[in-house]
């Protein structure tokens, strides 16, 4: 999953060792509706783990988008009760 302010990019794999296939893009509406649709996708696809891209600056530090992504991840953890892992771009 790649978080963005306007869209969330989605992909799915059969296992951690598998190749992720594009699942589509979720156009953002608002926090509650976004979470409702993500919960539905998780349930419909029997998701067991969410990998979320963590956008870092070129020097490897956290910027504004990384902080926003981490807040989004915390909301997901609370609402979905699934393990999650970070993946940095790079």
C-alpha atoms as a PDB file:
ATOM      1  CA  UNK A   1       0.000   0.000   0.000  1.00  0.00           C
ATOM      2  CA  UNK A   2       1.279   3.461  -0.920  1.00  0.00           C
ATOM      3  CA  UNK A   3      -0.427   6.258   0.994  1.00  0.00           C
ATOM      4  CA  UNK A   4      -1.162   9.590  -0.631  1.00  0.00           C
ATOM      5  CA  UNK A   5      -3.328  12.587   0.175  1.00  0.00           C
ATOM      6  CA  UNK A   6      -5.508  12.161  -2.921  1.00  0.00           C
ATOM      7  CA  UNK A   7      -5.115   8.419  -3.592  1.00  0.00           C
ATOM      8  CA  UNK A   8      -3.908   5.205  -2.004  1.00  0.00           C
ATOM      9  CA  UNK A   9      -2.124   2.765  -4.288  1.00  0.00           C
ATOM     10  CA  UNK A  10      -2.990  -0.874  -3.665  1.00  0.00           C
ATOM     11  CA  UNK A  11      -1.337  -4.149  -4.631  1.00  0.00           C
ATOM     12  CA  UNK A  12      -1.786  -7.706  -3.414  1.00  0.00           C
ATOM     13  CA  UNK A  13       0.413 -10.819  -3.225  1.00  0.00           C
ATOM     14  CA  UNK A  14      -0.282 -14.417  -2.267  1.00  0.00           C
ATOM     15  CA  UNK A  15       2.642 -14.429   0.193  1.00  0.00           C
ATOM     16  CA  UNK A  16       5.510 -12.255   1.432  1.00  0.00           C
ATOM     17  CA  UNK A  17       7.753 -13.992  -1.102  1.00  0.00           C
ATOM     18  CA  UNK A  18       5.261 -13.503  -3.947  1.00  0.00           C
ATOM     19  CA  UNK A  19       5.194 -10.737  -6.504  1.00  0.00           C
ATOM     20  CA  UNK A  20       2.594  -8.079  -5.742  1.00  0.00           C
ATOM     21  CA  UNK A  21       0.001  -7.538  -8.462  1.00  0.00           C
ATOM     22  CA  UNK A  22      -1.714  -4.150  -8.813  1.00  0.00           C
ATOM     23  CA  UNK A  23      -5.114  -4.074  -7.121  1.00  0.00           C
ATOM     24  CA  UNK A  24      -5.986  -0.529  -8.117  1.00  0.00           C
ATOM     25  CA  UNK A  25      -6.082   2.941  -6.699  1.00  0.00           C
ATOM     26  CA  UNK A  26      -8.406   4.081  -3.949  1.00  0.00           C
ATOM     27  CA  UNK A  27      -9.511   7.664  -4.470  1.00  0.00           C
ATOM     28  CA  UNK A  28      -9.580   9.368  -1.055  1.00  0.00           C
ATOM     29  CA  UNK A  29     -12.924  10.695   0.209  1.00  0.00           C
ATOM     30  CA  UNK A  30     -12.529  11.225   3.964  1.00  0.00           C
ATOM     31  CA  UNK A  31     -10.943   9.316   6.841  1.00  0.00           C
ATOM     32  CA  UNK A  32     -14.024   7.343   7.844  1.00  0.00           C
ATOM     33  CA  UNK A  33     -15.049   6.379   4.320  1.00  0.00           C
ATOM     34  CA  UNK A  34     -11.462   5.556   3.343  1.00  0.00           C
ATOM     35  CA  UNK A  35     -11.128   3.199   6.336  1.00  0.00           C
ATOM     36  CA  UNK A  36     -14.501   1.606   5.628  1.00  0.00           C
ATOM     37  CA  UNK A  37     -13.484   0.831   2.042  1.00  0.00           C
ATOM     38  CA  UNK A  38     -10.058  -0.428   3.117  1.00  0.00           C
ATOM     39  CA  UNK A  39     -11.645  -2.730   5.725  1.00  0.00           C
ATOM     40  CA  UNK A  40     -13.924  -4.078   2.995  1.00  0.00           C
ATOM     41  CA  UNK A  41     -10.965  -4.718   0.660  1.00  0.00           C
ATOM     42  CA  UNK A  42      -9.052  -6.432   3.478  1.00  0.00           C
ATOM     43  CA  UNK A  43     -12.026  -8.664   4.262  1.00  0.00           C
ATOM     44  CA  UNK A  44     -12.901  -9.445   0.619  1.00  0.00           C
ATOM     45  CA  UNK A  45      -9.299 -10.359  -0.222  1.00  0.00           C
ATOM     46  CA  UNK A  46      -8.537 -12.242   3.032  1.00  0.00           C
ATOM     47  CA  UNK A  47      -5.582  -9.954   3.763  1.00  0.00           C
ATOM     48  CA  UNK A  48      -3.362 -11.161   6.602  1.00  0.00           C
ATOM     49  CA  UNK A  49      -0.631  -8.495   6.559  1.00  0.00           C
ATOM     50  CA  UNK A  50      -0.423  -4.919   5.292  1.00  0.00           C
ATOM     51  CA  UNK A  51       2.847  -3.520   3.942  1.00  0.00           C
ATOM     52  CA  UNK A  52       2.837   0.247   3.830  1.00  0.00           C
ATOM     53  CA  UNK A  53       5.401   2.294   1.925  1.00  0.00           C
ATOM     54  CA  UNK A  54       7.167   4.865   4.101  1.00  0.00           C
ATOM     55  CA  UNK A  55       8.231   7.835   1.969  1.00  0.00           C
ATOM     56  CA  UNK A  56      11.602   9.120   3.126  1.00  0.00           C
ATOM     57  CA  UNK A  57      13.566  12.110   1.939  1.00  0.00           C
ATOM     58  CA  UNK A  58      16.546  11.472  -0.328  1.00  0.00           C
ATOM     59  CA  UNK A  59      18.845  11.705   2.707  1.00  0.00           C
ATOM     60  CA  UNK A  60      16.818   8.997   4.497  1.00  0.00           C
ATOM     61  CA  UNK A  61      15.136  11.282   7.038  1.00  0.00           C
ATOM     62  CA  UNK A  62      11.424  11.547   7.783  1.00  0.00           C
ATOM     63  CA  UNK A  63       9.595  14.461   6.244  1.00  0.00           C
ATOM     64  CA  UNK A  64       6.018  15.690   6.425  1.00  0.00           C
ATOM     65  CA  UNK A  65       4.642  12.863   4.234  1.00  0.00           C
ATOM     66  CA  UNK A  66       6.407  10.195   6.301  1.00  0.00           C
ATOM     67  CA  UNK A  67       4.847  11.585   9.482  1.00  0.00           C
ATOM     68  CA  UNK A  68       1.398  11.704   7.848  1.00  0.00           C
ATOM     69  CA  UNK A  69       1.847   8.129   6.588  1.00  0.00           C
ATOM     70  CA  UNK A  70       2.729   6.956  10.107  1.00  0.00           C
ATOM     71  CA  UNK A  71      -0.441   8.568  11.501  1.00  0.00           C
ATOM     72  CA  UNK A  72      -2.444   6.819   8.778  1.00  0.00           C
ATOM     73  CA  UNK A  73      -0.786   3.502   9.711  1.00  0.00           C
ATOM     74  CA  UNK A  74      -1.749   3.966  13.357  1.00  0.00           C
ATOM     75  CA  UNK A  75      -5.393   4.521  12.373  1.00  0.00           C
ATOM     76  CA  UNK A  76      -5.254   1.362  10.246  1.00  0.00           C
ATOM     77  CA  UNK A  77      -3.719  -0.675  13.087  1.00  0.00           C
ATOM     78  CA  UNK A  78      -6.507   0.371  15.443  1.00  0.00           C
ATOM     79  CA  UNK A  79      -9.305  -0.306  12.992  1.00  0.00           C
ATOM     80  CA  UNK A  80      -8.101  -3.450  11.215  1.00  0.00           C
ATOM     81  CA  UNK A  81      -6.330  -5.499  13.891  1.00  0.00           C
ATOM     82  CA  UNK A  82      -3.774  -6.788  11.380  1.00  0.00           C
ATOM     83  CA  UNK A  83      -0.006  -6.888  11.565  1.00  0.00           C
ATOM     84  CA  UNK A  84       1.662  -4.167   9.507  1.00  0.00           C
ATOM     85  CA  UNK A  85       5.215  -3.579   8.359  1.00  0.00           C
ATOM     86  CA  UNK A  86       6.997  -0.565   6.921  1.00  0.00           C
ATOM     87  CA  UNK A  87       8.692  -0.550   3.559  1.00  0.00           C
ATOM     88  CA  UNK A  88      10.862   2.437   2.760  1.00  0.00           C
ATOM     89  CA  UNK A  89      11.137   3.642  -0.796  1.00  0.00           C
ATOM     90  CA  UNK A  90      14.708   3.079  -1.833  1.00  0.00           C
END
